[in-house]
Amino acid sequence: MTTIAEIQVAPSPPGTAENPHAHVEAAIAVIQASGLRYEVGALGTTVEGDADDVWATLRAAHEAMLAAGARGGISHIKVAQVNRTMDSLTHKFR
């Protein structure tokens, strides 16, 4: 069974004066370094993999947003346990 999750981090503030998206980018960097398959979208990032790895990555992304300097933040998360892949779920819509 595959775990597919989407995370949208909503930091406050979203970044710094120099980089208005710095706190969001910190979360994305954690996902990129995770080794999981991922796709960055306009409103969130989708990850796919083993359940334990996906959950750990979601938590690490949320914590990275805060460690980057956000005073607070919310992570919106959707999780699916399926016998499919990201491609099979989105293929017919492309």
PDB file of N, CA and C in Angstrom:
ATOM      1  N   MET A   1       0.848  -1.177   0.000  1.00  0.00           N
ATOM      2  CA  MET A   1       0.000   0.000   0.000  1.00  0.00           C
ATOM      3  C   MET A   1       0.892   1.238   0.000  1.00  0.00           C
ATOM      4  N   THR A   2       0.510   2.200  -0.779  1.00  0.00           N
ATOM      5  CA  THR A   2       1.268   3.441  -0.921  1.00  0.00           C
ATOM      6  C   THR A   2       0.587   4.563  -0.148  1.00  0.00           C
ATOM      7  N   THR A   3       1.383   5.428   0.429  1.00  0.00           N
ATOM      8  CA  THR A   3       0.857   6.623   1.068  1.00  0.00           C
ATOM      9  C   THR A   3       1.131   7.810   0.163  1.00  0.00           C
ATOM     10  N   ILE A   4       0.069   8.536  -0.135  1.00  0.00           N
ATOM     11  CA  ILE A   4       0.176   9.767  -0.916  1.00  0.00           C
ATOM     12  C   ILE A   4      -0.363  10.878  -0.042  1.00  0.00           C
ATOM     13  N   ALA A   5       0.393  11.953   0.089  1.00  0.00           N
ATOM     14  CA  ALA A   5      -0.035  13.065   0.927  1.00  0.00           C
ATOM     15  C   ALA A   5       0.226  14.376   0.222  1.00  0.00           C
ATOM     16  N   GLU A   6      -0.591  15.349   0.552  1.00  0.00           N
ATOM     17  CA  GLU A   6      -0.368  16.705   0.080  1.00  0.00           C
ATOM     18  C   GLU A   6      -0.245  17.598   1.295  1.00  0.00           C
ATOM     19  N   ILE A   7       0.749  18.463   1.277  1.00  0.00           N
ATOM     20  CA  ILE A   7       0.935  19.414   2.366  1.00  0.00           C
ATOM     21  C   ILE A   7       1.009  20.820   1.800  1.00  0.00           C
ATOM     22  N   GLN A   8       0.314  21.715   2.470  1.00  0.00           N
ATOM     23  CA  GLN A   8       0.395  23.141   2.166  1.00  0.00           C
ATOM     24  C   GLN A   8       0.769  23.816   3.476  1.00  0.00           C
ATOM     25  N   VAL A   9       1.953  24.424   3.523  1.00  0.00           N
ATOM     26  CA  VAL A   9       2.339  25.147   4.725  1.00  0.00           C
ATOM     27  C   VAL A   9       1.886  26.591   4.584  1.00  0.00           C
ATOM     28  N   ALA A  10       1.417  27.129   5.680  1.00  0.00           N
ATOM     29  CA  ALA A  10       0.939  28.519   5.707  1.00  0.00           C
ATOM     30  C   ALA A  10       1.617  29.236   6.875  1.00  0.00           C
ATOM     31  N   PRO A  11       2.877  29.667   6.665  1.00  0.00           N
ATOM     32  CA  PRO A  11       3.617  30.327   7.740  1.00  0.00           C
ATOM     33  C   PRO A  11       3.194  31.776   7.918  1.00  0.00           C
ATOM     34  N   SER A  12       3.454  32.272   9.104  1.00  0.00           N
ATOM     35  CA  SER A  12       3.212  33.675   9.403  1.00  0.00           C
ATOM     36  C   SER A  12       4.485  34.249  10.021  1.00  0.00           C
ATOM     37  N   PRO A  13       5.141  35.146   9.338  1.00  0.00           N
ATOM     38  CA  PRO A  13       4.929  35.607   7.974  1.00  0.00           C
ATOM     39  C   PRO A  13       5.426  34.545   6.989  1.00  0.00           C
ATOM     40  N   PRO A  14       5.056  34.674   5.689  1.00  0.00           N
ATOM     41  CA  PRO A  14       5.473  33.671   4.718  1.00  0.00           C
ATOM     42  C   PRO A  14       6.962  33.692   4.408  1.00  0.00           C
ATOM     43  N   GLY A  15       7.631  34.788   4.712  1.00  0.00           N
ATOM     44  CA  GLY A  15       9.062  34.882   4.425  1.00  0.00           C
ATOM     45  C   GLY A  15       9.670  36.107   5.055  1.00  0.00           C
ATOM     46  N   THR A  16      10.728  36.570   4.447  1.00  0.00           N
ATOM     47  CA  THR A  16      11.462  37.725   4.947  1.00  0.00           C
ATOM     48  C   THR A  16      11.381  38.847   3.907  1.00  0.00           C
ATOM     49  N   ALA A  17      11.872  40.005   4.267  1.00  0.00           N
ATOM     50  CA  ALA A  17      11.890  41.120   3.314  1.00  0.00           C
ATOM     51  C   ALA A  17      12.749  40.775   2.094  1.00  0.00           C
ATOM     52  N   GLU A  18      13.836  40.056   2.326  1.00  0.00           N
ATOM     53  CA  GLU A  18      14.729  39.670   1.235  1.00  0.00           C
ATOM     54  C   GLU A  18      14.156  38.546   0.375  1.00  0.00           C
ATOM     55  N   ASN A  19      13.429  37.633   1.007  1.00  0.00           N
ATOM     56  CA  ASN A  19      12.858  36.482   0.305  1.00  0.00           C
ATOM     57  C   ASN A  19      11.436  36.264   0.837  1.00  0.00           C
ATOM     58  N   PRO A  20      10.441  36.779   0.134  1.00  0.00           N
ATOM     59  CA  PRO A  20       9.071  36.731   0.638  1.00  0.00           C
ATOM     60  C   PRO A  20       8.487  35.330   0.812  1.00  0.00           C
ATOM     61  N   HIS A  21       9.174  34.306   0.297  1.00  0.00           N
ATOM     62  CA  HIS A  21       8.667  32.934   0.419  1.00  0.00           C
ATOM     63  C   HIS A  21       9.649  32.031   1.169  1.00  0.00           C
ATOM     64  N   ALA A  22      10.539  32.598   1.926  1.00  0.00           N
ATOM     65  CA  ALA A  22      11.622  31.845   2.564  1.00  0.00           C
ATOM     66  C   ALA A  22      11.131  30.704   3.443  1.00  0.00           C
ATOM     67  N   HIS A  23      10.065  30.917   4.199  1.00  0.00           N
ATOM     68  CA  HIS A  23       9.606  29.893   5.135  1.00  0.00           C
ATOM     69  C   HIS A  23       8.925  28.747   4.404  1.00  0.00           C
ATOM     70  N   VAL A  24       8.237  29.049   3.325  1.00  0.00           N
ATOM     71  CA  VAL A  24       7.640  28.013   2.484  1.00  0.00           C
ATOM     72  C   VAL A  24       8.750  27.225   1.790  1.00  0.00           C
ATOM     73  N   GLU A  25       9.740  27.931   1.274  1.00  0.00           N
ATOM     74  CA  GLU A  25      10.847  27.277   0.582  1.00  0.00           C
ATOM     75  C   GLU A  25      11.628  26.349   1.506  1.00  0.00           C
ATOM     76  N   ALA A  26      11.716  26.680   2.790  1.00  0.00           N
ATOM     77  CA  ALA A  26      12.395  25.809   3.751  1.00  0.00           C
ATOM     78  C   ALA A  26      11.662  24.476   3.876  1.00  0.00           C
ATOM     79  N   ALA A  27      10.334  24.523   3.880  1.00  0.00           N
ATOM     80  CA  ALA A  27       9.548  23.289   3.947  1.00  0.00           C
ATOM     81  C   ALA A  27       9.728  22.462   2.678  1.00  0.00           C
ATOM     82  N   ILE A  28       9.723  23.118   1.532  1.00  0.00           N
ATOM     83  CA  ILE A  28       9.903  22.407   0.260  1.00  0.00           C
ATOM     84  C   ILE A  28      11.288  21.769   0.192  1.00  0.00           C
ATOM     85  N   ALA A  29      12.298  22.452   0.701  1.00  0.00           N
ATOM     86  CA  ALA A  29      13.660  21.909   0.686  1.00  0.00           C
ATOM     87  C   ALA A  29      13.742  20.599   1.464  1.00  0.00           C
ATOM     88  N   VAL A  30      13.028  20.513   2.577  1.00  0.00           N
ATOM     89  CA  VAL A  30      13.004  19.277   3.366  1.00  0.00           C
ATOM     90  C   VAL A  30      12.383  18.147   2.548  1.00  0.00           C
ATOM     91  N   ILE A  31      11.309  18.460   1.852  1.00  0.00           N
ATOM     92  CA  ILE A  31      10.652  17.448   1.024  1.00  0.00           C
ATOM     93  C   ILE A  31      11.580  17.005  -0.097  1.00  0.00           C
ATOM     94  N   GLN A  32      12.258  17.947  -0.744  1.00  0.00           N
ATOM     95  CA  GLN A  32      13.185  17.613  -1.822  1.00  0.00           C
ATOM     96  C   GLN A  32      14.316  16.714  -1.328  1.00  0.00           C
ATOM     97  N   ALA A  33      14.775  16.937  -0.117  1.00  0.00           N
ATOM     98  CA  ALA A  33      15.882  16.159   0.445  1.00  0.00           C
ATOM     99  C   ALA A  33      15.442  14.807   0.997  1.00  0.00           C
ATOM    100  N   SER A  34      14.142  14.572   1.091  1.00  0.00           N
ATOM    101  CA  SER A  34      13.625  13.361   1.726  1.00  0.00           C
ATOM    102  C   SER A  34      13.875  12.086   0.927  1.00  0.00           C
ATOM    103  N   GLY A  35      14.073  12.204  -0.361  1.00  0.00           N
ATOM    104  CA  GLY A  35      14.202  11.023  -1.195  1.00  0.00           C
ATOM    105  C   GLY A  35      12.867  10.473  -1.675  1.00  0.00           C
ATOM    106  N   LEU A  36      11.771  11.054  -1.199  1.00  0.00           N
ATOM    107  CA  LEU A  36      10.444  10.639  -1.639  1.00  0.00           C
ATOM    108  C   LEU A  36      10.130  11.228  -3.004  1.00  0.00           C
ATOM    109  N   ARG A  37       9.263  10.576  -3.718  1.00  0.00           N
ATOM    110  CA  ARG A  37       8.751  11.161  -4.959  1.00  0.00           C
ATOM    111  C   ARG A  37       7.857  12.330  -4.553  1.00  0.00           C
ATOM    112  N   TYR A  38       7.975  13.454  -5.238  1.00  0.00           N
ATOM    113  CA  TYR A  38       7.174  14.630  -4.891  1.00  0.00           C
ATOM    114  C   TYR A  38       6.883  15.461  -6.119  1.00  0.00           C
ATOM    115  N   GLU A  39       5.846  16.273  -6.009  1.00  0.00           N
ATOM    116  CA  GLU A  39       5.506  17.263  -7.034  1.00  0.00           C
ATOM    117  C   GLU A  39       5.096  18.537  -6.314  1.00  0.00           C
ATOM    118  N   VAL A  40       5.769  19.636  -6.631  1.00  0.00           N
ATOM    119  CA  VAL A  40       5.423  20.932  -6.071  1.00  0.00           C
ATOM    120  C   VAL A  40       4.359  21.551  -6.968  1.00  0.00           C
ATOM    121  N   GLY A  41       3.243  21.949  -6.364  1.00  0.00           N
ATOM    122  CA  GLY A  41       2.175  22.600  -7.104  1.00  0.00           C
ATOM    123  C   GLY A  41       1.960  24.012  -6.596  1.00  0.00           C
ATOM    124  N   ALA A  42       1.051  24.709  -7.224  1.00  0.00           N
ATOM    125  CA  ALA A  42       0.783  26.098  -6.860  1.00  0.00           C
ATOM    126  C   ALA A  42       0.211  26.237  -5.455  1.00  0.00           C
ATOM    127  N   LEU A  43      -0.528  25.228  -4.993  1.00  0.00           N
ATOM    128  CA  LEU A  43      -1.194  25.340  -3.702  1.00  0.00           C
ATOM    129  C   LEU A  43      -0.777  24.273  -2.701  1.00  0.00           C
ATOM    130  N   GLY A  44       0.259  23.520  -3.013  1.00  0.00           N
ATOM    131  CA  GLY A  44       0.716  22.491  -2.098  1.00  0.00           C
ATOM    132  C   GLY A  44       1.709  21.576  -2.773  1.00  0.00           C
ATOM    133  N   THR A  45       2.295  20.689  -1.987  1.00  0.00           N
ATOM    134  CA  THR A  45       3.261  19.731  -2.491  1.00  0.00           C
ATOM    135  C   THR A  45       2.763  18.330  -2.177  1.00  0.00           C
ATOM    136  N   THR A  46       2.769  17.469  -3.187  1.00  0.00           N
ATOM    137  CA  THR A  46       2.330  16.092  -3.036  1.00  0.00           C
ATOM    138  C   THR A  46       3.548  15.192  -2.908  1.00  0.00           C
ATOM    139  N   VAL A  47       3.498  14.264  -1.951  1.00  0.00           N
ATOM    140  CA  VAL A  47       4.582  13.303  -1.750  1.00  0.00           C
ATOM    141  C   VAL A  47       4.001  11.894  -1.789  1.00  0.00           C
ATOM    142  N   GLU A  48       4.863  10.941  -2.145  1.00  0.00           N
ATOM    143  CA  GLU A  48       4.427   9.547  -2.264  1.00  0.00           C
ATOM    144  C   GLU A  48       5.509   8.644  -1.708  1.00  0.00           C
ATOM    145  N   GLY A  49       5.112   7.630  -0.941  1.00  0.00           N
ATOM    146  CA  GLY A  49       6.090   6.682  -0.424  1.00  0.00           C
ATOM    147  C   GLY A  49       5.532   5.837   0.686  1.00  0.00           C
ATOM    148  N   ASP A  50       6.433   5.241   1.440  1.00  0.00           N
ATOM    149  CA  ASP A  50       6.093   4.436   2.606  1.00  0.00           C
ATOM    150  C   ASP A  50       5.468   5.338   3.674  1.00  0.00           C
ATOM    151  N   ALA A  51       4.473   4.820   4.363  1.00  0.00           N
ATOM    152  CA  ALA A  51       3.725   5.627   5.337  1.00  0.00           C
ATOM    153  C   ALA A  51       4.635   6.291   6.370  1.00  0.00           C
ATOM    154  N   ASP A  52       5.557   5.544   6.953  1.00  0.00           N
ATOM    155  CA  ASP A  52       6.428   6.114   7.986  1.00  0.00           C
ATOM    156  C   ASP A  52       7.291   7.243   7.418  1.00  0.00           C
ATOM    157  N   ASP A  53       7.798   7.052   6.209  1.00  0.00           N
ATOM    158  CA  ASP A  53       8.627   8.084   5.586  1.00  0.00           C
ATOM    159  C   ASP A  53       7.812   9.328   5.241  1.00  0.00           C
ATOM    160  N   VAL A  54       6.608   9.120   4.740  1.00  0.00           N
ATOM    161  CA  VAL A  54       5.756  10.262   4.383  1.00  0.00           C
ATOM    162  C   VAL A  54       5.391  11.055   5.625  1.00  0.00           C
ATOM    163  N   TRP A  55       4.952  10.382   6.689  1.00  0.00           N
ATOM    164  CA  TRP A  55       4.569  11.102   7.913  1.00  0.00           C
ATOM    165  C   TRP A  55       5.758  11.855   8.506  1.00  0.00           C
ATOM    166  N   ALA A  56       6.926  11.224   8.509  1.00  0.00           N
ATOM    167  CA  ALA A  56       8.122  11.895   9.047  1.00  0.00           C
ATOM    168  C   ALA A  56       8.468  13.130   8.213  1.00  0.00           C
ATOM    169  N   THR A  57       8.306  13.022   6.911  1.00  0.00           N
ATOM    170  CA  THR A  57       8.606  14.158   6.033  1.00  0.00           C
ATOM    171  C   THR A  57       7.610  15.288   6.234  1.00  0.00           C
ATOM    172  N   LEU A  58       6.339  14.963   6.399  1.00  0.00           N
ATOM    173  CA  LEU A  58       5.333  15.994   6.652  1.00  0.00           C
ATOM    174  C   LEU A  58       5.658  16.765   7.933  1.00  0.00           C
ATOM    175  N   ARG A  59       6.010  16.036   8.968  1.00  0.00           N
ATOM    176  CA  ARG A  59       6.363  16.694  10.230  1.00  0.00           C
ATOM    177  C   ARG A  59       7.614  17.549  10.068  1.00  0.00           C
ATOM    178  N   ALA A  60       8.621  17.002   9.389  1.00  0.00           N
ATOM    179  CA  ALA A  60       9.870  17.743   9.195  1.00  0.00           C
ATOM    180  C   ALA A  60       9.647  19.006   8.366  1.00  0.00           C
ATOM    181  N   ALA A  61       8.763  18.944   7.382  1.00  0.00           N
ATOM    182  CA  ALA A  61       8.462  20.126   6.572  1.00  0.00           C
ATOM    183  C   ALA A  61       7.796  21.202   7.420  1.00  0.00           C
ATOM    184  N   HIS A  62       6.855  20.800   8.258  1.00  0.00           N
ATOM    185  CA  HIS A  62       6.185  21.755   9.143  1.00  0.00           C
ATOM    186  C   HIS A  62       7.205  22.400  10.093  1.00  0.00           C
ATOM    187  N   GLU A  63       8.059  21.572  10.682  1.00  0.00           N
ATOM    188  CA  GLU A  63       9.057  22.090  11.616  1.00  0.00           C
ATOM    189  C   GLU A  63      10.082  22.978  10.912  1.00  0.00           C
ATOM    190  N   ALA A  64      10.412  22.674   9.656  1.00  0.00           N
ATOM    191  CA  ALA A  64      11.370  23.490   8.900  1.00  0.00           C
ATOM    192  C   ALA A  64      10.821  24.887   8.655  1.00  0.00           C
ATOM    193  N   MET A  65       9.517  24.968   8.405  1.00  0.00           N
ATOM    194  CA  MET A  65       8.872  26.265   8.220  1.00  0.00           C
ATOM    195  C   MET A  65       9.090  27.138   9.465  1.00  0.00           C
ATOM    196  N   LEU A  66       8.918  26.549  10.622  1.00  0.00           N
ATOM    197  CA  LEU A  66       9.093  27.289  11.880  1.00  0.00           C
ATOM    198  C   LEU A  66      10.571  27.588  12.144  1.00  0.00           C
ATOM    199  N   ALA A  67      11.427  26.617  11.889  1.00  0.00           N
ATOM    200  CA  ALA A  67      12.864  26.804  12.126  1.00  0.00           C
ATOM    201  C   ALA A  67      13.448  27.878  11.208  1.00  0.00           C
ATOM    202  N   ALA A  68      12.817  28.099  10.063  1.00  0.00           N
ATOM    203  CA  ALA A  68      13.299  29.116   9.125  1.00  0.00           C
ATOM    204  C   ALA A  68      12.973  30.527   9.592  1.00  0.00           C
ATOM    205  N   GLY A  69      12.142  30.640  10.633  1.00  0.00           N
ATOM    206  CA  GLY A  69      11.872  31.958  11.180  1.00  0.00           C
ATOM    207  C   GLY A  69      10.417  32.362  11.259  1.00  0.00           C
ATOM    208  N   ALA A  70       9.504  31.515  10.808  1.00  0.00           N
ATOM    209  CA  ALA A  70       8.090  31.859  10.930  1.00  0.00           C
ATOM    210  C   ALA A  70       7.717  31.942  12.412  1.00  0.00           C
ATOM    211  N   ARG A  71       6.923  32.927  12.772  1.00  0.00           N
ATOM    212  CA  ARG A  71       6.480  33.066  14.163  1.00  0.00           C
ATOM    213  C   ARG A  71       5.420  32.027  14.513  1.00  0.00           C
ATOM    214  N   GLY A  72       4.775  31.483  13.506  1.00  0.00           N
ATOM    215  CA  GLY A  72       3.756  30.455  13.672  1.00  0.00           C
ATOM    216  C   GLY A  72       3.362  29.957  12.300  1.00  0.00           C
ATOM    217  N   GLY A  73       2.500  28.986  12.273  1.00  0.00           N
ATOM    218  CA  GLY A  73       2.064  28.497  10.974  1.00  0.00           C
ATOM    219  C   GLY A  73       1.123  27.317  11.095  1.00  0.00           C
ATOM    220  N   ILE A  74       0.419  27.092  10.020  1.00  0.00           N
ATOM    221  CA  ILE A  74      -0.510  25.973   9.920  1.00  0.00           C
ATOM    222  C   ILE A  74      -0.098  25.138   8.721  1.00  0.00           C
ATOM    223  N   SER A  75      -0.128  23.826   8.873  1.00  0.00           N
ATOM    224  CA  SER A  75       0.089  22.931   7.740  1.00  0.00           C
ATOM    225  C   SER A  75      -1.221  22.215   7.454  1.00  0.00           C
ATOM    226  N   HIS A  76      -1.700  22.374   6.242  1.00  0.00           N
ATOM    227  CA  HIS A  76      -2.903  21.686   5.782  1.00  0.00           C
ATOM    228  C   HIS A  76      -2.430  20.405   5.115  1.00  0.00           C
ATOM    229  N   ILE A  77      -2.918  19.266   5.606  1.00  0.00           N
ATOM    230  CA  ILE A  77      -2.424  17.980   5.128  1.00  0.00           C
ATOM    231  C   ILE A  77      -3.594  17.091   4.715  1.00  0.00           C
ATOM    232  N   LYS A  78      -3.442  16.440   3.559  1.00  0.00           N
ATOM    233  CA  LYS A  78      -4.370  15.406   3.106  1.00  0.00           C
ATOM    234  C   LYS A  78      -3.543  14.142   2.932  1.00  0.00           C
ATOM    235  N   VAL A  79      -4.078  13.003   3.392  1.00  0.00           N
ATOM    236  CA  VAL A  79      -3.345  11.745   3.313  1.00  0.00           C
ATOM    237  C   VAL A  79      -4.255  10.653   2.763  1.00  0.00           C
ATOM    238  N   ALA A  80      -3.698   9.851   1.837  1.00  0.00           N
ATOM    239  CA  ALA A  80      -4.428   8.717   1.278  1.00  0.00           C
ATOM    240  C   ALA A  80      -3.566   7.463   1.383  1.00  0.00           C
ATOM    241  N   GLN A  81      -4.166   6.360   1.746  1.00  0.00           N
ATOM    242  CA  GLN A  81      -3.541   5.037   1.717  1.00  0.00           C
ATOM    243  C   GLN A  81      -4.210   4.303   0.573  1.00  0.00           C
ATOM    244  N   VAL A  82      -3.474   4.045  -0.505  1.00  0.00           N
ATOM    245  CA  VAL A  82      -4.075   3.479  -1.706  1.00  0.00           C
ATOM    246  C   VAL A  82      -3.158   2.446  -2.352  1.00  0.00           C
ATOM    247  N   ASN A  83      -3.737   1.677  -3.234  1.00  0.00           N
ATOM    248  CA  ASN A  83      -2.965   0.731  -4.040  1.00  0.00           C
ATOM    249  C   ASN A  83      -2.730   1.323  -5.421  1.00  0.00           C
ATOM    250  N   ARG A  84      -2.400   2.590  -5.449  1.00  0.00           N
ATOM    251  CA  ARG A  84      -2.172   3.324  -6.691  1.00  0.00           C
ATOM    252  C   ARG A  84      -0.984   4.252  -6.501  1.00  0.00           C
ATOM    253  N   THR A  85      -0.636   4.958  -7.562  1.00  0.00           N
ATOM    254  CA  THR A  85       0.450   5.940  -7.500  1.00  0.00           C
ATOM    255  C   THR A  85      -0.111   7.322  -7.802  1.00  0.00           C
ATOM    256  N   MET A  86       0.706   8.333  -7.594  1.00  0.00           N
ATOM    257  CA  MET A  86       0.302   9.691  -7.937  1.00  0.00           C
ATOM    258  C   MET A  86      -0.082   9.762  -9.412  1.00  0.00           C
ATOM    259  N   ASP A  87       0.718   9.123 -10.260  1.00  0.00           N
ATOM    260  CA  ASP A  87       0.447   9.154 -11.696  1.00  0.00           C
ATOM    261  C   ASP A  87      -0.917   8.552 -12.038  1.00  0.00           C
ATOM    262  N   SER A  88      -1.238   7.429 -11.426  1.00  0.00           N
ATOM    263  CA  SER A  88      -2.500   6.784 -11.763  1.00  0.00           C
ATOM    264  C   SER A  88      -3.697   7.599 -11.288  1.00  0.00           C
ATOM    265  N   LEU A  89      -3.495   8.405 -10.282  1.00  0.00           N
ATOM    266  CA  LEU A  89      -4.598   9.227  -9.777  1.00  0.00           C
ATOM    267  C   LEU A  89      -4.796  10.507 -10.583  1.00  0.00           C
ATOM    268  N   THR A  90      -3.738  10.970 -11.241  1.00  0.00           N
ATOM    269  CA  THR A  90      -3.836  12.234 -11.959  1.00  0.00           C
ATOM    270  C   THR A  90      -3.762  12.077 -13.474  1.00  0.00           C
ATOM    271  N   HIS A  91      -3.370  10.907 -13.950  1.00  0.00           N
ATOM    272  CA  HIS A  91      -3.148  10.690 -15.388  1.00  0.00           C
ATOM    273  C   HIS A  91      -4.353  11.070 -16.251  1.00  0.00           C
ATOM    274  N   LYS A  92      -5.529  10.670 -15.871  1.00  0.00           N
ATOM    275  CA  LYS A  92      -6.688  10.906 -16.732  1.00  0.00           C
ATOM    276  C   LYS A  92      -7.076  12.379 -16.798  1.00  0.00           C
ATOM    277  N   PHE A  93      -6.535  13.197 -15.923  1.00  0.00           N
ATOM    278  CA  PHE A  93      -6.860  14.614 -15.910  1.00  0.00           C
ATOM    279  C   PHE A  93      -5.815  15.467 -16.621  1.00  0.00           C
ATOM    280  N   ARG A  94      -4.780  14.868 -17.127  1.00  0.00           N
ATOM    281  CA  ARG A  94      -3.711  15.624 -17.800  1.00  0.00           C
ATOM    282  C   ARG A  94      -3.903  15.598 -19.280  1.00  0.00           C
TER     283      ARG A  94
END
